[in-house]
Amino acid sequence: MNPFPVADDVALHGQQLNFLAGLRSFEDSGFGRLDEPVLLAVDFCTPMELKTMRFEGGLHYTYDDADGTSAGQDVNLKGTTLELSAGLNYALELARFRPYLGFGGSLLWVKLRGIDEDVDVVFDDSDVTAGGYAKAGLLFQLTRAAHVGIEYRHFEGGQVSLDGTDLSTNYDQFALVFGASF
């Protein structure tokens, strides 16, 4: 017996808005102390008339801040990324649980800023790359329309060149999901 009699229609076939918070981990050691930024994201799904398959889009933002050294000087480093993604999402309903899979493409903008206040030097560089992602998650229906869950996402992207260094943008990401279906 389904505890939410009409949840099937909304949860699996309606639109969905999710807010995510978590951590991203870059595979390239060249990111140094900026390799595990904090993630904030918004994902949106809309039905495609293909059972429980939906089109999804997302905007993911990360930020990290660390102190380090560059050319023997103490430097404050700030790393920021902004990712715009689009793809497909497929979900199942298992009582109040809803496992899902997603995949698609992304544009990833990466910015690195370093500040050495002692000698008043600033470097600021950014680059953009494209790549693909795959993700898996598990949602739990709290009410007919509200859900919480967890998500794992892997991104395989191109390289970016920041301050003369080529870095791979591949990453793994773990996030908590808070959302609603309507």
N, C-alpha and C. Protein backbone atom coordinates (compact mmCIF):
# COMPACT_ATOMS: atom_id res chain seq x y z
N MET A 1 0.83 -1.17 0.00
CA MET A 1 0.00 0.00 0.00
C MET A 1 0.88 1.25 0.00
N ASN A 2 0.64 2.14 -0.91
CA ASN A 2 1.41 3.37 -1.05
C ASN A 2 0.96 4.38 0.01
N PRO A 3 1.86 4.88 0.88
CA PRO A 3 1.47 5.84 1.92
C PRO A 3 1.04 7.18 1.34
N PHE A 4 1.41 7.47 0.09
CA PHE A 4 1.01 8.71 -0.58
C PHE A 4 0.28 8.31 -1.86
N PRO A 5 -1.04 8.20 -1.84
CA PRO A 5 -1.80 7.65 -2.95
C PRO A 5 -1.51 8.25 -4.32
N VAL A 6 -1.20 9.54 -4.40
CA VAL A 6 -0.93 10.13 -5.70
C VAL A 6 0.54 10.50 -5.88
N ALA A 7 1.39 10.00 -5.02
CA ALA A 7 2.81 10.34 -5.11
C ALA A 7 3.43 9.82 -6.40
N ASP A 8 2.97 8.66 -6.90
CA ASP A 8 3.53 8.12 -8.13
C ASP A 8 3.47 9.16 -9.24
N ASP A 9 2.34 9.79 -9.39
CA ASP A 9 2.16 10.75 -10.46
C ASP A 9 3.09 11.95 -10.31
N VAL A 10 3.18 12.50 -9.12
CA VAL A 10 4.02 13.68 -8.91
C VAL A 10 5.49 13.31 -8.80
N ALA A 11 5.83 12.35 -7.96
CA ALA A 11 7.23 12.01 -7.69
C ALA A 11 7.96 11.47 -8.93
N LEU A 12 7.30 10.65 -9.71
CA LEU A 12 7.96 10.04 -10.87
C LEU A 12 7.66 10.74 -12.19
N HIS A 13 6.53 11.40 -12.32
CA HIS A 13 6.15 11.95 -13.62
C HIS A 13 6.03 13.46 -13.62
N GLY A 14 6.22 14.11 -12.49
CA GLY A 14 6.12 15.56 -12.43
C GLY A 14 7.47 16.24 -12.57
N GLN A 15 7.45 17.54 -12.47
CA GLN A 15 8.69 18.30 -12.47
C GLN A 15 9.33 18.19 -11.10
N GLN A 16 10.62 18.43 -11.05
CA GLN A 16 11.35 18.26 -9.79
C GLN A 16 12.39 19.37 -9.66
N LEU A 17 12.49 19.95 -8.47
CA LEU A 17 13.49 20.96 -8.15
C LEU A 17 14.29 20.47 -6.96
N ASN A 18 15.61 20.38 -7.11
CA ASN A 18 16.48 19.88 -6.05
C ASN A 18 17.56 20.90 -5.70
N PHE A 19 17.84 21.01 -4.41
CA PHE A 19 18.95 21.81 -3.91
C PHE A 19 19.96 20.83 -3.33
N LEU A 20 21.22 21.01 -3.67
CA LEU A 20 22.28 20.10 -3.23
C LEU A 20 23.35 20.86 -2.46
N ALA A 21 23.92 20.20 -1.47
CA ALA A 21 25.06 20.72 -0.71
C ALA A 21 26.00 19.56 -0.45
N GLY A 22 27.28 19.76 -0.71
CA GLY A 22 28.21 18.66 -0.51
C GLY A 22 29.64 19.05 -0.75
N LEU A 23 30.45 18.07 -1.13
CA LEU A 23 31.88 18.27 -1.39
C LEU A 23 32.25 17.70 -2.74
N ARG A 24 33.14 18.38 -3.43
CA ARG A 24 33.68 17.91 -4.70
C ARG A 24 35.15 17.60 -4.47
N SER A 25 35.65 16.55 -5.11
CA SER A 25 37.06 16.18 -4.97
C SER A 25 37.68 16.04 -6.36
N PHE A 26 38.59 16.97 -6.70
CA PHE A 26 39.29 16.90 -7.98
C PHE A 26 40.33 15.81 -7.95
N GLU A 27 40.46 15.08 -9.08
CA GLU A 27 41.42 13.99 -9.17
C GLU A 27 42.85 14.49 -9.36
N ASP A 28 43.02 15.65 -9.98
CA ASP A 28 44.35 16.19 -10.29
C ASP A 28 44.98 16.78 -9.02
N SER A 29 46.16 16.28 -8.65
CA SER A 29 46.84 16.78 -7.45
C SER A 29 47.35 18.21 -7.64
N GLY A 30 47.34 18.72 -8.87
CA GLY A 30 47.77 20.07 -9.15
C GLY A 30 46.88 21.13 -8.51
N PHE A 31 45.66 20.75 -8.12
CA PHE A 31 44.79 21.70 -7.42
C PHE A 31 45.29 21.97 -6.01
N GLY A 32 46.22 21.13 -5.52
CA GLY A 32 46.82 21.33 -4.20
C GLY A 32 45.78 21.41 -3.10
N ARG A 33 45.86 22.46 -2.31
CA ARG A 33 44.95 22.62 -1.17
C ARG A 33 43.54 23.02 -1.59
N LEU A 34 43.34 23.29 -2.87
CA LEU A 34 42.01 23.67 -3.36
C LEU A 34 41.30 22.48 -4.02
N ASP A 35 41.64 21.26 -3.61
CA ASP A 35 41.10 20.09 -4.30
C ASP A 35 39.80 19.55 -3.71
N GLU A 36 39.28 20.12 -2.63
CA GLU A 36 38.01 19.64 -2.07
C GLU A 36 37.10 20.82 -1.73
N PRO A 37 36.60 21.50 -2.77
CA PRO A 37 35.74 22.67 -2.52
C PRO A 37 34.35 22.28 -2.04
N VAL A 38 33.69 23.23 -1.38
CA VAL A 38 32.30 23.07 -0.93
C VAL A 38 31.39 23.31 -2.13
N LEU A 39 30.35 22.49 -2.24
CA LEU A 39 29.42 22.53 -3.37
C LEU A 39 28.05 23.04 -2.94
N LEU A 40 27.47 23.91 -3.75
CA LEU A 40 26.07 24.31 -3.66
C LEU A 40 25.51 24.21 -5.08
N ALA A 41 24.34 23.59 -5.23
CA ALA A 41 23.82 23.37 -6.58
C ALA A 41 22.29 23.39 -6.59
N VAL A 42 21.77 23.64 -7.80
CA VAL A 42 20.34 23.56 -8.07
C VAL A 42 20.17 22.70 -9.32
N ASP A 43 19.34 21.67 -9.24
CA ASP A 43 19.02 20.81 -10.39
C ASP A 43 17.51 20.86 -10.62
N PHE A 44 17.13 20.78 -11.89
CA PHE A 44 15.72 20.81 -12.26
C PHE A 44 15.45 19.68 -13.25
N CYS A 45 14.37 18.95 -13.06
CA CYS A 45 13.97 17.88 -13.98
C CYS A 45 12.58 18.18 -14.51
N THR A 46 12.36 17.88 -15.78
CA THR A 46 11.04 18.04 -16.38
C THR A 46 10.73 16.80 -17.22
N PRO A 47 9.46 16.34 -17.21
CA PRO A 47 9.08 15.11 -17.91
C PRO A 47 9.32 15.19 -19.42
N MET A 48 9.53 14.00 -20.01
CA MET A 48 9.78 13.91 -21.46
C MET A 48 8.76 13.02 -22.17
N GLU A 49 7.70 12.61 -21.52
CA GLU A 49 6.72 11.69 -22.12
C GLU A 49 7.30 10.31 -22.39
N LEU A 50 8.35 9.94 -21.66
CA LEU A 50 8.97 8.62 -21.79
C LEU A 50 8.98 7.92 -20.44
N LYS A 51 7.83 7.59 -19.94
CA LYS A 51 7.66 6.95 -18.64
C LYS A 51 8.33 7.78 -17.56
N THR A 52 9.35 7.26 -16.88
CA THR A 52 9.98 8.01 -15.79
C THR A 52 11.31 8.66 -16.21
N MET A 53 11.52 8.81 -17.51
CA MET A 53 12.71 9.51 -18.01
C MET A 53 12.41 11.02 -18.03
N ARG A 54 13.36 11.81 -17.55
CA ARG A 54 13.19 13.26 -17.52
C ARG A 54 14.43 13.95 -18.09
N PHE A 55 14.21 15.14 -18.64
CA PHE A 55 15.31 16.01 -19.01
C PHE A 55 15.74 16.75 -17.75
N GLU A 56 17.06 16.83 -17.51
CA GLU A 56 17.53 17.54 -16.33
C GLU A 56 18.52 18.62 -16.71
N GLY A 57 18.52 19.66 -15.92
CA GLY A 57 19.49 20.74 -16.08
C GLY A 57 19.97 21.13 -14.71
N GLY A 58 21.17 21.68 -14.64
CA GLY A 58 21.69 22.05 -13.33
C GLY A 58 22.70 23.18 -13.40
N LEU A 59 22.83 23.84 -12.25
CA LEU A 59 23.84 24.87 -12.05
C LEU A 59 24.55 24.53 -10.75
N HIS A 60 25.85 24.23 -10.84
CA HIS A 60 26.64 23.80 -9.68
C HIS A 60 27.75 24.83 -9.43
N TYR A 61 27.87 25.25 -8.19
CA TYR A 61 28.87 26.25 -7.78
C TYR A 61 29.74 25.64 -6.68
N THR A 62 31.06 25.83 -6.78
CA THR A 62 31.96 25.40 -5.71
C THR A 62 32.89 26.54 -5.33
N TYR A 63 33.36 26.49 -4.08
CA TYR A 63 34.29 27.50 -3.58
C TYR A 63 35.25 26.84 -2.59
N ASP A 64 36.52 27.23 -2.69
CA ASP A 64 37.51 26.77 -1.73
C ASP A 64 38.51 27.90 -1.50
N ASP A 65 39.07 27.91 -0.31
CA ASP A 65 39.97 28.97 0.12
C ASP A 65 41.07 28.30 0.93
N ALA A 66 42.33 28.65 0.65
CA ALA A 66 43.44 28.04 1.38
C ALA A 66 44.63 28.98 1.40
N ASP A 67 45.49 28.80 2.37
CA ASP A 67 46.74 29.54 2.43
C ASP A 67 47.85 28.61 1.95
N GLY A 68 48.81 29.17 1.19
CA GLY A 68 49.90 28.36 0.68
C GLY A 68 51.10 29.23 0.39
N THR A 69 52.05 28.69 -0.36
CA THR A 69 53.23 29.46 -0.76
C THR A 69 53.38 29.39 -2.27
N SER A 70 53.88 30.49 -2.83
CA SER A 70 54.18 30.55 -4.26
C SER A 70 55.46 31.38 -4.40
N ALA A 71 56.48 30.82 -5.01
CA ALA A 71 57.78 31.49 -5.18
C ALA A 71 58.32 31.97 -3.83
N GLY A 72 58.12 31.19 -2.77
CA GLY A 72 58.64 31.52 -1.46
C GLY A 72 57.82 32.54 -0.69
N GLN A 73 56.72 32.98 -1.23
CA GLN A 73 55.87 33.98 -0.58
C GLN A 73 54.60 33.32 -0.06
N ASP A 74 54.08 33.83 1.07
CA ASP A 74 52.79 33.36 1.58
C ASP A 74 51.68 33.94 0.71
N VAL A 75 50.77 33.06 0.28
CA VAL A 75 49.72 33.46 -0.64
C VAL A 75 48.39 32.91 -0.14
N ASN A 76 47.34 33.72 -0.25
CA ASN A 76 45.98 33.24 0.00
C ASN A 76 45.38 32.86 -1.34
N LEU A 77 44.94 31.61 -1.47
CA LEU A 77 44.39 31.10 -2.73
C LEU A 77 42.87 30.96 -2.62
N LYS A 78 42.18 31.29 -3.70
CA LYS A 78 40.73 31.11 -3.77
C LYS A 78 40.41 30.42 -5.09
N GLY A 79 39.65 29.34 -5.00
CA GLY A 79 39.24 28.61 -6.19
C GLY A 79 37.72 28.58 -6.29
N THR A 80 37.22 28.83 -7.48
CA THR A 80 35.78 28.85 -7.72
C THR A 80 35.48 28.10 -9.01
N THR A 81 34.39 27.34 -9.04
CA THR A 81 33.92 26.75 -10.29
C THR A 81 32.43 27.03 -10.44
N LEU A 82 32.01 27.09 -11.67
CA LEU A 82 30.60 27.22 -12.02
C LEU A 82 30.35 26.27 -13.17
N GLU A 83 29.38 25.38 -12.99
CA GLU A 83 29.12 24.35 -13.99
C GLU A 83 27.66 24.40 -14.42
N LEU A 84 27.45 24.39 -15.72
CA LEU A 84 26.12 24.34 -16.31
C LEU A 84 25.98 23.00 -17.02
N SER A 85 24.97 22.22 -16.62
CA SER A 85 24.85 20.87 -17.18
C SER A 85 23.44 20.60 -17.70
N ALA A 86 23.36 19.64 -18.62
CA ALA A 86 22.07 19.19 -19.17
C ALA A 86 22.20 17.71 -19.52
N GLY A 87 21.14 16.95 -19.25
CA GLY A 87 21.19 15.52 -19.55
C GLY A 87 19.87 14.84 -19.31
N LEU A 88 19.94 13.53 -19.10
CA LEU A 88 18.76 12.70 -18.87
C LEU A 88 18.81 12.10 -17.48
N ASN A 89 17.64 11.88 -16.89
CA ASN A 89 17.51 11.33 -15.55
C ASN A 89 16.43 10.26 -15.58
N TYR A 90 16.73 9.10 -15.02
CA TYR A 90 15.77 7.99 -14.97
C TYR A 90 15.60 7.56 -13.51
N ALA A 91 14.35 7.45 -13.05
CA ALA A 91 14.09 7.09 -11.65
C ALA A 91 13.12 5.91 -11.56
N LEU A 92 13.20 5.19 -10.45
CA LEU A 92 12.28 4.11 -10.10
C LEU A 92 11.65 4.44 -8.75
N GLU A 93 10.52 3.84 -8.47
CA GLU A 93 9.93 4.00 -7.14
C GLU A 93 9.89 2.65 -6.44
N LEU A 94 10.48 2.61 -5.25
CA LEU A 94 10.49 1.41 -4.42
C LEU A 94 9.94 1.82 -3.06
N ALA A 95 8.62 1.72 -2.89
CA ALA A 95 7.93 2.21 -1.70
C ALA A 95 8.22 3.71 -1.56
N ARG A 96 8.82 4.14 -0.44
CA ARG A 96 9.12 5.57 -0.27
C ARG A 96 10.51 5.95 -0.78
N PHE A 97 11.24 4.98 -1.32
CA PHE A 97 12.57 5.25 -1.87
C PHE A 97 12.49 5.44 -3.38
N ARG A 98 13.37 6.29 -3.91
CA ARG A 98 13.41 6.54 -5.34
C ARG A 98 14.86 6.59 -5.82
N PRO A 99 15.43 5.44 -6.23
CA PRO A 99 16.77 5.46 -6.81
C PRO A 99 16.72 6.08 -8.21
N TYR A 100 17.80 6.75 -8.59
CA TYR A 100 17.84 7.36 -9.92
C TYR A 100 19.26 7.35 -10.49
N LEU A 101 19.32 7.45 -11.81
CA LEU A 101 20.57 7.56 -12.56
C LEU A 101 20.45 8.74 -13.49
N GLY A 102 21.56 9.39 -13.75
CA GLY A 102 21.56 10.50 -14.69
C GLY A 102 22.88 10.57 -15.43
N PHE A 103 22.84 11.14 -16.63
CA PHE A 103 24.06 11.37 -17.40
C PHE A 103 23.82 12.52 -18.36
N GLY A 104 24.91 13.16 -18.77
CA GLY A 104 24.77 14.28 -19.69
C GLY A 104 26.08 14.99 -19.91
N GLY A 105 25.98 16.22 -20.39
CA GLY A 105 27.15 17.04 -20.68
C GLY A 105 27.16 18.31 -19.86
N SER A 106 28.36 18.88 -19.70
CA SER A 106 28.52 20.09 -18.88
C SER A 106 29.56 21.03 -19.47
N LEU A 107 29.37 22.30 -19.18
CA LEU A 107 30.40 23.31 -19.38
C LEU A 107 30.89 23.70 -17.98
N LEU A 108 32.20 23.65 -17.77
CA LEU A 108 32.76 23.93 -16.46
C LEU A 108 33.72 25.12 -16.56
N TRP A 109 33.43 26.18 -15.79
CA TRP A 109 34.29 27.36 -15.69
C TRP A 109 35.05 27.26 -14.38
N VAL A 110 36.37 27.37 -14.45
CA VAL A 110 37.23 27.26 -13.27
C VAL A 110 38.01 28.57 -13.12
N LYS A 111 38.02 29.12 -11.91
CA LYS A 111 38.75 30.37 -11.65
C LYS A 111 39.67 30.16 -10.45
N LEU A 112 40.89 30.67 -10.57
CA LEU A 112 41.87 30.61 -9.49
C LEU A 112 42.39 32.03 -9.25
N ARG A 113 42.42 32.40 -7.98
CA ARG A 113 42.89 33.73 -7.60
C ARG A 113 43.86 33.58 -6.44
N GLY A 114 45.01 34.23 -6.55
CA GLY A 114 46.01 34.21 -5.49
C GLY A 114 46.37 35.62 -5.08
N ILE A 115 46.48 35.84 -3.79
CA ILE A 115 46.77 37.17 -3.27
C ILE A 115 47.95 37.07 -2.30
N ASP A 116 48.99 37.85 -2.58
CA ASP A 116 50.13 37.98 -1.68
C ASP A 116 50.09 39.41 -1.15
N GLU A 117 49.57 39.59 0.05
CA GLU A 117 49.39 40.93 0.60
C GLU A 117 50.71 41.59 0.99
N ASP A 118 51.75 40.80 1.29
CA ASP A 118 53.04 41.37 1.69
C ASP A 118 53.68 42.20 0.58
N VAL A 119 53.62 41.70 -0.64
CA VAL A 119 54.23 42.42 -1.77
C VAL A 119 53.17 42.95 -2.74
N ASP A 120 51.91 42.89 -2.34
CA ASP A 120 50.80 43.45 -3.11
C ASP A 120 50.72 42.87 -4.53
N VAL A 121 50.80 41.54 -4.62
CA VAL A 121 50.72 40.86 -5.91
C VAL A 121 49.44 40.03 -5.96
N VAL A 122 48.79 40.10 -7.10
CA VAL A 122 47.56 39.32 -7.30
C VAL A 122 47.67 38.61 -8.64
N PHE A 123 47.34 37.32 -8.68
CA PHE A 123 47.14 36.67 -9.96
C PHE A 123 45.72 36.15 -10.00
N ASP A 124 45.15 36.23 -11.15
CA ASP A 124 43.74 35.90 -11.34
C ASP A 124 43.61 35.27 -12.71
N ASP A 125 43.19 34.02 -12.78
CA ASP A 125 43.10 33.33 -14.07
C ASP A 125 41.88 32.43 -14.08
N SER A 126 41.30 32.27 -15.25
CA SER A 126 40.15 31.37 -15.38
C SER A 126 40.18 30.71 -16.75
N ASP A 127 39.46 29.60 -16.86
CA ASP A 127 39.37 28.86 -18.11
C ASP A 127 38.07 28.06 -18.11
N VAL A 128 37.66 27.65 -19.30
CA VAL A 128 36.41 26.89 -19.47
C VAL A 128 36.73 25.60 -20.21
N THR A 129 36.04 24.54 -19.84
CA THR A 129 36.17 23.27 -20.54
C THR A 129 34.80 22.58 -20.59
N ALA A 130 34.70 21.57 -21.41
CA ALA A 130 33.48 20.77 -21.52
C ALA A 130 33.77 19.35 -21.10
N GLY A 131 32.72 18.63 -20.74
CA GLY A 131 32.88 17.24 -20.35
C GLY A 131 31.55 16.56 -20.16
N GLY A 132 31.60 15.33 -19.69
CA GLY A 132 30.39 14.56 -19.46
C GLY A 132 30.32 14.10 -18.02
N TYR A 133 29.11 13.85 -17.56
CA TYR A 133 28.93 13.40 -16.18
C TYR A 133 28.00 12.19 -16.14
N ALA A 134 28.16 11.43 -15.08
CA ALA A 134 27.25 10.33 -14.74
C ALA A 134 27.00 10.45 -13.25
N LYS A 135 25.77 10.16 -12.84
CA LYS A 135 25.45 10.27 -11.42
C LYS A 135 24.45 9.20 -11.01
N ALA A 136 24.42 8.94 -9.71
CA ALA A 136 23.47 8.00 -9.14
C ALA A 136 23.06 8.55 -7.78
N GLY A 137 21.79 8.36 -7.44
CA GLY A 137 21.32 8.87 -6.16
C GLY A 137 20.18 8.06 -5.62
N LEU A 138 19.83 8.35 -4.38
CA LEU A 138 18.71 7.70 -3.72
C LEU A 138 17.94 8.76 -2.96
N LEU A 139 16.66 8.92 -3.32
CA LEU A 139 15.79 9.87 -2.64
C LEU A 139 14.83 9.13 -1.73
N PHE A 140 14.40 9.80 -0.67
CA PHE A 140 13.40 9.28 0.25
C PHE A 140 12.25 10.28 0.28
N GLN A 141 11.03 9.80 -0.04
CA GLN A 141 9.84 10.66 -0.04
C GLN A 141 9.43 10.95 1.39
N LEU A 142 9.54 12.21 1.81
CA LEU A 142 9.09 12.62 3.14
C LEU A 142 7.58 12.84 3.15
N THR A 143 7.09 13.48 2.11
CA THR A 143 5.66 13.74 1.93
C THR A 143 5.33 13.46 0.47
N ARG A 144 4.11 13.76 0.09
CA ARG A 144 3.70 13.54 -1.29
C ARG A 144 4.63 14.25 -2.28
N ALA A 145 5.12 15.43 -1.92
CA ALA A 145 5.92 16.22 -2.86
C ALA A 145 7.36 16.46 -2.40
N ALA A 146 7.67 16.34 -1.12
CA ALA A 146 9.01 16.65 -0.61
C ALA A 146 9.86 15.40 -0.45
N HIS A 147 11.16 15.56 -0.75
CA HIS A 147 12.09 14.43 -0.62
C HIS A 147 13.46 14.91 -0.18
N VAL A 148 14.24 13.98 0.38
CA VAL A 148 15.64 14.19 0.74
C VAL A 148 16.42 12.99 0.19
N GLY A 149 17.72 13.14 0.08
CA GLY A 149 18.49 12.01 -0.41
C GLY A 149 19.97 12.30 -0.48
N ILE A 150 20.68 11.39 -1.14
CA ILE A 150 22.12 11.50 -1.35
C ILE A 150 22.40 11.29 -2.84
N GLU A 151 23.52 11.87 -3.29
CA GLU A 151 23.88 11.74 -4.70
C GLU A 151 25.39 11.66 -4.85
N TYR A 152 25.83 10.77 -5.75
CA TYR A 152 27.23 10.68 -6.16
C TYR A 152 27.28 11.08 -7.64
N ARG A 153 28.25 11.89 -8.00
CA ARG A 153 28.39 12.35 -9.38
C ARG A 153 29.86 12.29 -9.78
N HIS A 154 30.12 11.80 -10.99
CA HIS A 154 31.48 11.78 -11.53
C HIS A 154 31.49 12.59 -12.83
N PHE A 155 32.50 13.43 -12.97
CA PHE A 155 32.66 14.27 -14.16
C PHE A 155 33.98 13.96 -14.82
N GLU A 156 33.96 13.76 -16.14
CA GLU A 156 35.16 13.58 -16.95
C GLU A 156 35.23 14.77 -17.89
N GLY A 157 36.18 15.67 -17.63
CA GLY A 157 36.27 16.88 -18.43
C GLY A 157 37.64 17.06 -19.06
N GLY A 158 37.72 18.11 -19.86
CA GLY A 158 38.99 18.46 -20.48
C GLY A 158 39.92 19.13 -19.50
N GLN A 159 41.02 19.63 -20.02
CA GLN A 159 41.98 20.32 -19.17
C GLN A 159 41.75 21.81 -19.22
N VAL A 160 42.11 22.48 -18.13
CA VAL A 160 42.11 23.94 -18.08
C VAL A 160 43.55 24.39 -17.82
N SER A 161 43.89 25.57 -18.28
CA SER A 161 45.21 26.13 -18.05
C SER A 161 45.05 27.34 -17.14
N LEU A 162 45.58 27.22 -15.91
CA LEU A 162 45.48 28.29 -14.91
C LEU A 162 46.86 28.71 -14.45
N ASP A 163 47.18 29.97 -14.65
CA ASP A 163 48.46 30.54 -14.24
C ASP A 163 49.63 29.70 -14.77
N GLY A 164 49.52 29.24 -16.03
CA GLY A 164 50.58 28.47 -16.67
C GLY A 164 50.61 27.00 -16.35
N THR A 165 49.65 26.51 -15.57
CA THR A 165 49.61 25.10 -15.22
C THR A 165 48.39 24.43 -15.84
N ASP A 166 48.59 23.31 -16.54
CA ASP A 166 47.48 22.54 -17.09
C ASP A 166 46.95 21.59 -16.03
N LEU A 167 45.62 21.65 -15.80
CA LEU A 167 44.98 20.83 -14.78
C LEU A 167 43.83 20.04 -15.38
N SER A 168 43.72 18.78 -14.99
CA SER A 168 42.57 17.97 -15.37
C SER A 168 41.38 18.35 -14.50
N THR A 169 40.20 18.42 -15.09
CA THR A 169 39.02 18.83 -14.33
C THR A 169 38.17 17.66 -13.87
N ASN A 170 38.63 16.43 -14.03
CA ASN A 170 37.87 15.27 -13.57
C ASN A 170 37.63 15.37 -12.07
N TYR A 171 36.43 15.02 -11.63
CA TYR A 171 36.14 15.07 -10.20
C TYR A 171 35.10 14.05 -9.80
N ASP A 172 35.03 13.79 -8.49
CA ASP A 172 33.96 13.02 -7.85
C ASP A 172 33.28 13.97 -6.89
N GLN A 173 31.98 13.78 -6.73
CA GLN A 173 31.20 14.70 -5.90
C GLN A 173 30.16 13.92 -5.10
N PHE A 174 30.06 14.25 -3.82
CA PHE A 174 29.04 13.67 -2.95
C PHE A 174 28.19 14.80 -2.40
N ALA A 175 26.87 14.62 -2.42
CA ALA A 175 25.99 15.71 -1.99
C ALA A 175 24.75 15.19 -1.29
N LEU A 176 24.24 16.00 -0.39
CA LEU A 176 22.90 15.81 0.18
C LEU A 176 21.92 16.52 -0.72
N VAL A 177 20.74 15.92 -0.89
CA VAL A 177 19.73 16.48 -1.80
C VAL A 177 18.47 16.81 -0.99
N PHE A 178 17.94 17.99 -1.22
CA PHE A 178 16.67 18.43 -0.63
C PHE A 178 15.82 18.94 -1.77
N GLY A 179 14.62 18.39 -1.94
CA GLY A 179 13.86 18.81 -3.10
C GLY A 179 12.36 18.63 -3.00
N ALA A 180 11.72 19.00 -4.10
CA ALA A 180 10.25 18.92 -4.20
C ALA A 180 9.87 18.52 -5.61
N SER A 181 8.77 17.79 -5.70
CA SER A 181 8.17 17.42 -6.98
C SER A 181 6.84 18.16 -7.09
N PHE A 182 6.53 18.57 -8.29
CA PHE A 182 5.28 19.30 -8.49
C PHE A 182 4.73 19.09 -9.88
